[in-house]
Amino acid sequence: MDDQAVTSLAEDWRHAGIRTGDLVLIHSSLRRTVRRCVQGGMPGAVGDILDSFREAVGDTGTLLFPLFNFEFTEGVAFDIRTTPSQMGVLTETARQLDGAVRTGASDLFLCCDRCSRRGVRGHRQLQWVWR
């Protein structure tokens, strides 16, 4: 882990409006974030980017990631525990976190941190708050 990258990116997320305790749905391309890291002399590793979001929301916050996999349209069996996300490397990295919870089969999201520690059974139980 590159502490400088995690801290710098967490500050960027806070500057963008993310606060400790927030519930944040992350659906993003990493291209610009990695480029910004590299230009700033930081490695831009996916794990560092994920950790920066976790730092920005803190221990009381929650991160949600879309974890869609479209292979079911080709008849491929879906396993909620092992089927990878096809929504990008950040979502797949988050899916593999210890304690992360995948929420269902048809409209999949990953809940990590606060909600997964409380045992969320599905994202419909969450109260959505938009700013």
N, C-alpha and C. Protein backbone atom coordinates (compact mmCIF):
# COMPACT_ATOMS: atom_id res chain seq x y z
N MET A 1 0.84 -1.18 0.00
CA MET A 1 0.00 0.00 0.00
C MET A 1 0.88 1.24 0.00
N ASP A 2 0.50 2.21 -0.81
CA ASP A 2 1.20 3.48 -0.87
C ASP A 2 0.40 4.49 -0.04
N ASP A 3 0.87 4.75 1.19
CA ASP A 3 0.14 5.63 2.11
C ASP A 3 -0.08 7.02 1.53
N GLN A 4 0.90 7.54 0.79
CA GLN A 4 0.76 8.86 0.19
C GLN A 4 -0.40 8.89 -0.81
N ALA A 5 -0.50 7.85 -1.63
CA ALA A 5 -1.57 7.79 -2.62
C ALA A 5 -2.93 7.69 -1.94
N VAL A 6 -3.03 6.82 -0.94
CA VAL A 6 -4.31 6.64 -0.23
C VAL A 6 -4.74 7.94 0.42
N THR A 7 -3.84 8.60 1.13
CA THR A 7 -4.17 9.84 1.83
C THR A 7 -4.52 10.95 0.84
N SER A 8 -3.74 11.08 -0.22
CA SER A 8 -3.99 12.12 -1.22
C SER A 8 -5.34 11.93 -1.91
N LEU A 9 -5.63 10.71 -2.32
CA LEU A 9 -6.90 10.44 -2.99
C LEU A 9 -8.08 10.60 -2.03
N ALA A 10 -7.92 10.16 -0.78
CA ALA A 10 -9.00 10.34 0.21
C ALA A 10 -9.32 11.82 0.39
N GLU A 11 -8.30 12.65 0.38
CA GLU A 11 -8.53 14.10 0.47
C GLU A 11 -9.27 14.61 -0.77
N ASP A 12 -8.92 14.07 -1.94
CA ASP A 12 -9.64 14.44 -3.17
C ASP A 12 -11.13 14.08 -3.05
N TRP A 13 -11.41 12.88 -2.55
CA TRP A 13 -12.80 12.45 -2.41
C TRP A 13 -13.54 13.35 -1.40
N ARG A 14 -12.87 13.72 -0.33
CA ARG A 14 -13.49 14.62 0.65
C ARG A 14 -13.75 15.99 0.03
N HIS A 15 -12.80 16.45 -0.76
CA HIS A 15 -12.98 17.74 -1.44
C HIS A 15 -14.17 17.68 -2.41
N ALA A 16 -14.42 16.50 -2.97
CA ALA A 16 -15.55 16.31 -3.89
C ALA A 16 -16.87 16.15 -3.14
N GLY A 17 -16.82 16.05 -1.81
CA GLY A 17 -18.06 16.01 -1.03
C GLY A 17 -18.31 14.75 -0.24
N ILE A 18 -17.45 13.74 -0.35
CA ILE A 18 -17.63 12.52 0.43
C ILE A 18 -17.22 12.81 1.87
N ARG A 19 -18.05 12.38 2.80
CA ARG A 19 -17.80 12.62 4.23
C ARG A 19 -17.76 11.31 5.01
N THR A 20 -17.13 11.36 6.16
CA THR A 20 -17.12 10.21 7.06
C THR A 20 -18.56 9.81 7.35
N GLY A 21 -18.83 8.53 7.26
CA GLY A 21 -20.17 8.02 7.54
C GLY A 21 -21.08 7.95 6.33
N ASP A 22 -20.65 8.48 5.19
CA ASP A 22 -21.48 8.45 3.99
C ASP A 22 -21.65 7.04 3.45
N LEU A 23 -22.76 6.84 2.74
CA LEU A 23 -22.98 5.65 1.92
C LEU A 23 -22.73 6.10 0.49
N VAL A 24 -21.74 5.50 -0.17
CA VAL A 24 -21.32 5.96 -1.50
C VAL A 24 -21.41 4.81 -2.50
N LEU A 25 -22.14 5.05 -3.58
CA LEU A 25 -22.20 4.11 -4.69
C LEU A 25 -21.11 4.51 -5.68
N ILE A 26 -20.17 3.62 -5.91
CA ILE A 26 -19.04 3.91 -6.79
C ILE A 26 -19.20 3.13 -8.09
N HIS A 27 -19.40 3.87 -9.16
CA HIS A 27 -19.55 3.29 -10.50
C HIS A 27 -18.69 4.15 -11.40
N SER A 28 -17.43 3.75 -11.60
CA SER A 28 -16.48 4.67 -12.19
C SER A 28 -15.41 3.95 -13.00
N SER A 29 -14.88 4.66 -13.97
CA SER A 29 -13.69 4.24 -14.68
C SER A 29 -12.48 4.74 -13.89
N LEU A 30 -11.42 3.96 -13.86
CA LEU A 30 -10.22 4.36 -13.12
C LEU A 30 -9.22 5.13 -13.95
N ARG A 31 -9.47 5.26 -15.22
CA ARG A 31 -8.48 5.85 -16.13
C ARG A 31 -7.95 7.20 -15.63
N ARG A 32 -8.83 8.13 -15.32
CA ARG A 32 -8.38 9.47 -14.90
C ARG A 32 -7.71 9.43 -13.53
N THR A 33 -8.22 8.59 -12.64
CA THR A 33 -7.64 8.51 -11.30
C THR A 33 -6.23 7.94 -11.36
N VAL A 34 -6.05 6.90 -12.14
CA VAL A 34 -4.71 6.31 -12.28
C VAL A 34 -3.77 7.31 -12.94
N ARG A 35 -4.24 8.00 -13.96
CA ARG A 35 -3.40 9.01 -14.63
C ARG A 35 -2.98 10.10 -13.64
N ARG A 36 -3.92 10.57 -12.81
CA ARG A 36 -3.60 11.59 -11.81
C ARG A 36 -2.55 11.08 -10.83
N CYS A 37 -2.67 9.83 -10.40
CA CYS A 37 -1.68 9.25 -9.49
C CYS A 37 -0.30 9.21 -10.13
N VAL A 38 -0.25 8.70 -11.34
CA VAL A 38 1.04 8.56 -12.03
C VAL A 38 1.67 9.94 -12.25
N GLN A 39 0.87 10.91 -12.65
CA GLN A 39 1.40 12.26 -12.84
C GLN A 39 1.90 12.87 -11.54
N GLY A 40 1.33 12.44 -10.42
CA GLY A 40 1.74 12.93 -9.10
C GLY A 40 2.86 12.09 -8.48
N GLY A 41 3.40 11.15 -9.25
CA GLY A 41 4.49 10.33 -8.75
C GLY A 41 4.05 9.18 -7.85
N MET A 42 2.77 8.84 -7.90
CA MET A 42 2.25 7.72 -7.10
C MET A 42 1.92 6.56 -8.03
N PRO A 43 1.94 5.33 -7.52
CA PRO A 43 1.76 4.18 -8.41
C PRO A 43 0.37 4.03 -9.02
N GLY A 44 -0.69 4.49 -8.37
CA GLY A 44 -2.03 4.35 -8.92
C GLY A 44 -2.55 2.93 -8.89
N ALA A 45 -2.16 2.17 -7.87
CA ALA A 45 -2.61 0.78 -7.74
C ALA A 45 -4.09 0.73 -7.37
N VAL A 46 -4.79 -0.25 -7.90
CA VAL A 46 -6.22 -0.39 -7.64
C VAL A 46 -6.51 -0.53 -6.15
N GLY A 47 -5.69 -1.30 -5.44
CA GLY A 47 -5.88 -1.46 -4.00
C GLY A 47 -5.77 -0.13 -3.25
N ASP A 48 -4.87 0.73 -3.70
CA ASP A 48 -4.72 2.05 -3.07
C ASP A 48 -5.95 2.91 -3.33
N ILE A 49 -6.49 2.83 -4.53
CA ILE A 49 -7.68 3.61 -4.86
C ILE A 49 -8.86 3.13 -4.01
N LEU A 50 -9.03 1.83 -3.90
CA LEU A 50 -10.09 1.28 -3.06
C LEU A 50 -9.90 1.71 -1.61
N ASP A 51 -8.68 1.60 -1.10
CA ASP A 51 -8.40 2.01 0.28
C ASP A 51 -8.66 3.49 0.50
N SER A 52 -8.44 4.31 -0.54
CA SER A 52 -8.68 5.74 -0.39
C SER A 52 -10.18 6.03 -0.21
N PHE A 53 -11.02 5.30 -0.92
CA PHE A 53 -12.47 5.45 -0.71
C PHE A 53 -12.86 4.99 0.68
N ARG A 54 -12.28 3.88 1.11
CA ARG A 54 -12.58 3.36 2.45
C ARG A 54 -12.14 4.35 3.52
N GLU A 55 -10.99 4.99 3.31
CA GLU A 55 -10.53 6.00 4.26
C GLU A 55 -11.45 7.22 4.26
N ALA A 56 -11.92 7.62 3.08
CA ALA A 56 -12.77 8.81 2.98
C ALA A 56 -14.10 8.63 3.72
N VAL A 57 -14.70 7.44 3.65
CA VAL A 57 -15.97 7.22 4.34
C VAL A 57 -15.78 6.79 5.79
N GLY A 58 -14.57 6.34 6.12
CA GLY A 58 -14.27 5.97 7.49
C GLY A 58 -14.95 4.69 7.94
N ASP A 59 -14.77 4.38 9.22
CA ASP A 59 -15.31 3.15 9.78
C ASP A 59 -16.83 3.13 9.84
N THR A 60 -17.45 4.29 9.79
CA THR A 60 -18.92 4.35 9.88
C THR A 60 -19.58 4.48 8.52
N GLY A 61 -18.79 4.53 7.46
CA GLY A 61 -19.33 4.67 6.11
C GLY A 61 -19.49 3.34 5.40
N THR A 62 -20.12 3.40 4.25
CA THR A 62 -20.38 2.20 3.45
C THR A 62 -20.09 2.50 1.99
N LEU A 63 -19.46 1.54 1.33
CA LEU A 63 -19.21 1.64 -0.11
C LEU A 63 -20.05 0.59 -0.82
N LEU A 64 -20.69 0.99 -1.90
CA LEU A 64 -21.44 0.06 -2.75
C LEU A 64 -20.81 0.07 -4.13
N PHE A 65 -20.71 -1.11 -4.73
CA PHE A 65 -20.15 -1.26 -6.07
C PHE A 65 -21.09 -2.12 -6.92
N PRO A 66 -21.34 -1.75 -8.17
CA PRO A 66 -22.12 -2.64 -9.04
C PRO A 66 -21.25 -3.84 -9.43
N LEU A 67 -21.80 -5.02 -9.31
CA LEU A 67 -21.03 -6.25 -9.61
C LEU A 67 -21.69 -7.09 -10.68
N PHE A 68 -22.20 -6.47 -11.69
CA PHE A 68 -22.91 -7.20 -12.72
C PHE A 68 -21.99 -8.16 -13.47
N ASN A 69 -22.55 -9.29 -13.85
CA ASN A 69 -21.88 -10.27 -14.69
C ASN A 69 -22.93 -10.73 -15.69
N PHE A 70 -22.64 -10.61 -16.96
CA PHE A 70 -23.63 -10.84 -18.00
C PHE A 70 -23.53 -12.23 -18.65
N GLU A 71 -22.69 -13.09 -18.11
CA GLU A 71 -22.52 -14.42 -18.70
C GLU A 71 -23.76 -15.29 -18.57
N PHE A 72 -24.69 -14.92 -17.64
CA PHE A 72 -25.92 -15.70 -17.50
C PHE A 72 -26.72 -15.70 -18.81
N THR A 73 -26.52 -14.66 -19.65
CA THR A 73 -27.23 -14.60 -20.92
C THR A 73 -26.73 -15.67 -21.89
N GLU A 74 -25.56 -16.23 -21.57
CA GLU A 74 -24.98 -17.29 -22.39
C GLU A 74 -25.16 -18.66 -21.74
N GLY A 75 -25.95 -18.70 -20.66
CA GLY A 75 -26.21 -19.97 -19.98
C GLY A 75 -25.16 -20.36 -18.96
N VAL A 76 -24.23 -19.48 -18.66
CA VAL A 76 -23.20 -19.78 -17.67
C VAL A 76 -23.80 -19.68 -16.27
N ALA A 77 -23.53 -20.67 -15.45
CA ALA A 77 -24.07 -20.69 -14.08
C ALA A 77 -23.49 -19.54 -13.27
N PHE A 78 -24.34 -18.96 -12.43
CA PHE A 78 -23.93 -17.86 -11.57
C PHE A 78 -23.78 -18.37 -10.14
N ASP A 79 -22.64 -18.06 -9.50
CA ASP A 79 -22.41 -18.39 -8.10
C ASP A 79 -22.12 -17.08 -7.37
N ILE A 80 -22.98 -16.69 -6.46
CA ILE A 80 -22.87 -15.41 -5.77
C ILE A 80 -21.53 -15.26 -5.05
N ARG A 81 -20.91 -16.38 -4.67
CA ARG A 81 -19.63 -16.33 -3.94
C ARG A 81 -18.43 -16.18 -4.84
N THR A 82 -18.51 -16.68 -6.07
CA THR A 82 -17.29 -16.75 -6.88
C THR A 82 -17.38 -16.10 -8.26
N THR A 83 -18.57 -15.85 -8.77
CA THR A 83 -18.68 -15.27 -10.10
C THR A 83 -18.10 -13.86 -10.08
N PRO A 84 -17.13 -13.58 -10.94
CA PRO A 84 -16.49 -12.27 -10.92
C PRO A 84 -17.38 -11.16 -11.47
N SER A 85 -17.05 -9.95 -11.07
CA SER A 85 -17.72 -8.77 -11.61
C SER A 85 -17.16 -8.49 -13.00
N GLN A 86 -18.01 -8.03 -13.88
CA GLN A 86 -17.56 -7.59 -15.21
C GLN A 86 -17.68 -6.07 -15.33
N MET A 87 -17.69 -5.40 -14.20
CA MET A 87 -17.86 -3.94 -14.18
C MET A 87 -16.54 -3.21 -13.92
N GLY A 88 -15.44 -3.91 -14.01
CA GLY A 88 -14.14 -3.26 -13.89
C GLY A 88 -13.31 -3.81 -12.74
N VAL A 89 -12.05 -3.45 -12.78
CA VAL A 89 -11.09 -3.99 -11.83
C VAL A 89 -11.35 -3.50 -10.40
N LEU A 90 -11.85 -2.29 -10.23
CA LEU A 90 -12.14 -1.78 -8.89
C LEU A 90 -13.25 -2.60 -8.24
N THR A 91 -14.31 -2.88 -8.99
CA THR A 91 -15.41 -3.66 -8.43
C THR A 91 -14.97 -5.08 -8.10
N GLU A 92 -14.16 -5.67 -8.95
CA GLU A 92 -13.69 -7.03 -8.70
C GLU A 92 -12.74 -7.06 -7.49
N THR A 93 -11.90 -6.04 -7.35
CA THR A 93 -11.02 -5.95 -6.18
C THR A 93 -11.85 -5.81 -4.91
N ALA A 94 -12.88 -4.97 -4.94
CA ALA A 94 -13.75 -4.79 -3.78
C ALA A 94 -14.50 -6.08 -3.47
N ARG A 95 -14.94 -6.82 -4.49
CA ARG A 95 -15.66 -8.07 -4.29
C ARG A 95 -14.84 -9.06 -3.47
N GLN A 96 -13.53 -9.01 -3.63
CA GLN A 96 -12.65 -9.96 -2.98
C GLN A 96 -12.24 -9.55 -1.56
N LEU A 97 -12.72 -8.40 -1.07
CA LEU A 97 -12.40 -7.98 0.29
C LEU A 97 -13.00 -8.93 1.31
N ASP A 98 -12.26 -9.21 2.37
CA ASP A 98 -12.81 -10.00 3.47
C ASP A 98 -14.01 -9.28 4.04
N GLY A 99 -15.10 -10.00 4.22
CA GLY A 99 -16.29 -9.42 4.83
C GLY A 99 -17.21 -8.70 3.87
N ALA A 100 -16.86 -8.61 2.59
CA ALA A 100 -17.74 -7.95 1.64
C ALA A 100 -18.98 -8.82 1.40
N VAL A 101 -20.12 -8.17 1.18
CA VAL A 101 -21.38 -8.88 1.00
C VAL A 101 -21.94 -8.56 -0.38
N ARG A 102 -22.22 -9.59 -1.15
CA ARG A 102 -22.85 -9.43 -2.45
C ARG A 102 -24.36 -9.58 -2.25
N THR A 103 -25.14 -8.70 -2.85
CA THR A 103 -26.54 -8.59 -2.47
C THR A 103 -27.51 -9.07 -3.54
N GLY A 104 -27.60 -10.32 -3.78
CA GLY A 104 -28.62 -10.83 -4.68
C GLY A 104 -28.09 -11.32 -6.00
N ALA A 105 -28.98 -11.78 -6.87
CA ALA A 105 -28.54 -12.37 -8.13
C ALA A 105 -28.94 -11.56 -9.35
N SER A 106 -30.04 -10.82 -9.30
CA SER A 106 -30.48 -10.15 -10.52
C SER A 106 -29.95 -8.73 -10.63
N ASP A 107 -29.88 -8.02 -9.52
CA ASP A 107 -29.38 -6.64 -9.54
C ASP A 107 -28.32 -6.53 -8.46
N LEU A 108 -27.16 -7.01 -8.79
CA LEU A 108 -26.09 -7.23 -7.83
C LEU A 108 -25.35 -5.97 -7.43
N PHE A 109 -25.15 -5.84 -6.15
CA PHE A 109 -24.27 -4.82 -5.63
C PHE A 109 -23.42 -5.46 -4.55
N LEU A 110 -22.30 -4.84 -4.30
CA LEU A 110 -21.43 -5.28 -3.22
C LEU A 110 -21.50 -4.23 -2.14
N CYS A 111 -21.68 -4.68 -0.94
CA CYS A 111 -21.71 -3.78 0.21
C CYS A 111 -20.50 -4.13 1.07
N CYS A 112 -19.65 -3.17 1.28
CA CYS A 112 -18.51 -3.45 2.14
C CYS A 112 -18.42 -2.40 3.23
N ASP A 113 -17.76 -2.75 4.28
CA ASP A 113 -17.55 -1.91 5.45
C ASP A 113 -18.77 -1.92 6.36
N ARG A 114 -19.31 -0.78 6.73
CA ARG A 114 -20.32 -0.71 7.80
C ARG A 114 -21.50 -1.65 7.57
N CYS A 115 -22.11 -1.63 6.40
CA CYS A 115 -23.30 -2.45 6.18
C CYS A 115 -22.98 -3.93 6.22
N SER A 116 -21.84 -4.33 5.68
CA SER A 116 -21.51 -5.75 5.70
C SER A 116 -21.24 -6.22 7.12
N ARG A 117 -20.70 -5.36 7.96
CA ARG A 117 -20.47 -5.75 9.35
C ARG A 117 -21.78 -5.91 10.11
N ARG A 118 -22.83 -5.20 9.68
CA ARG A 118 -24.13 -5.30 10.33
C ARG A 118 -24.99 -6.40 9.71
N GLY A 119 -24.50 -7.05 8.69
CA GLY A 119 -25.23 -8.17 8.11
C GLY A 119 -26.35 -7.80 7.16
N VAL A 120 -26.10 -6.88 6.25
CA VAL A 120 -27.12 -6.50 5.27
C VAL A 120 -27.46 -7.71 4.41
N ARG A 121 -28.74 -7.96 4.20
CA ARG A 121 -29.18 -9.09 3.39
C ARG A 121 -29.42 -8.69 1.94
N GLY A 122 -29.61 -7.41 1.68
CA GLY A 122 -29.87 -6.97 0.31
C GLY A 122 -29.91 -5.46 0.25
N HIS A 123 -29.54 -4.91 -0.89
CA HIS A 123 -29.43 -3.46 -0.97
C HIS A 123 -30.77 -2.76 -0.86
N ARG A 124 -31.90 -3.44 -1.06
CA ARG A 124 -33.20 -2.79 -0.90
C ARG A 124 -33.45 -2.39 0.55
N GLN A 125 -32.69 -2.97 1.49
CA GLN A 125 -32.86 -2.62 2.89
C GLN A 125 -32.17 -1.31 3.23
N LEU A 126 -31.33 -0.83 2.34
CA LEU A 126 -30.59 0.39 2.61
C LEU A 126 -31.47 1.60 2.29
N GLN A 127 -31.30 2.64 3.03
CA GLN A 127 -32.01 3.89 2.73
C GLN A 127 -31.10 4.69 1.82
N TRP A 128 -31.58 5.02 0.61
CA TRP A 128 -30.79 5.77 -0.34
C TRP A 128 -30.92 7.26 -0.05
N VAL A 129 -29.82 7.92 0.08
CA VAL A 129 -29.81 9.35 0.33
C VAL A 129 -28.99 10.01 -0.77
N TRP A 130 -29.61 10.90 -1.51
CA TRP A 130 -28.93 11.61 -2.60
C TRP A 130 -28.73 13.04 -2.20
N ARG A 131 -27.56 13.59 -2.46
CA ARG A 131 -27.27 14.99 -2.15
C ARG A 131 -27.31 15.81 -3.40
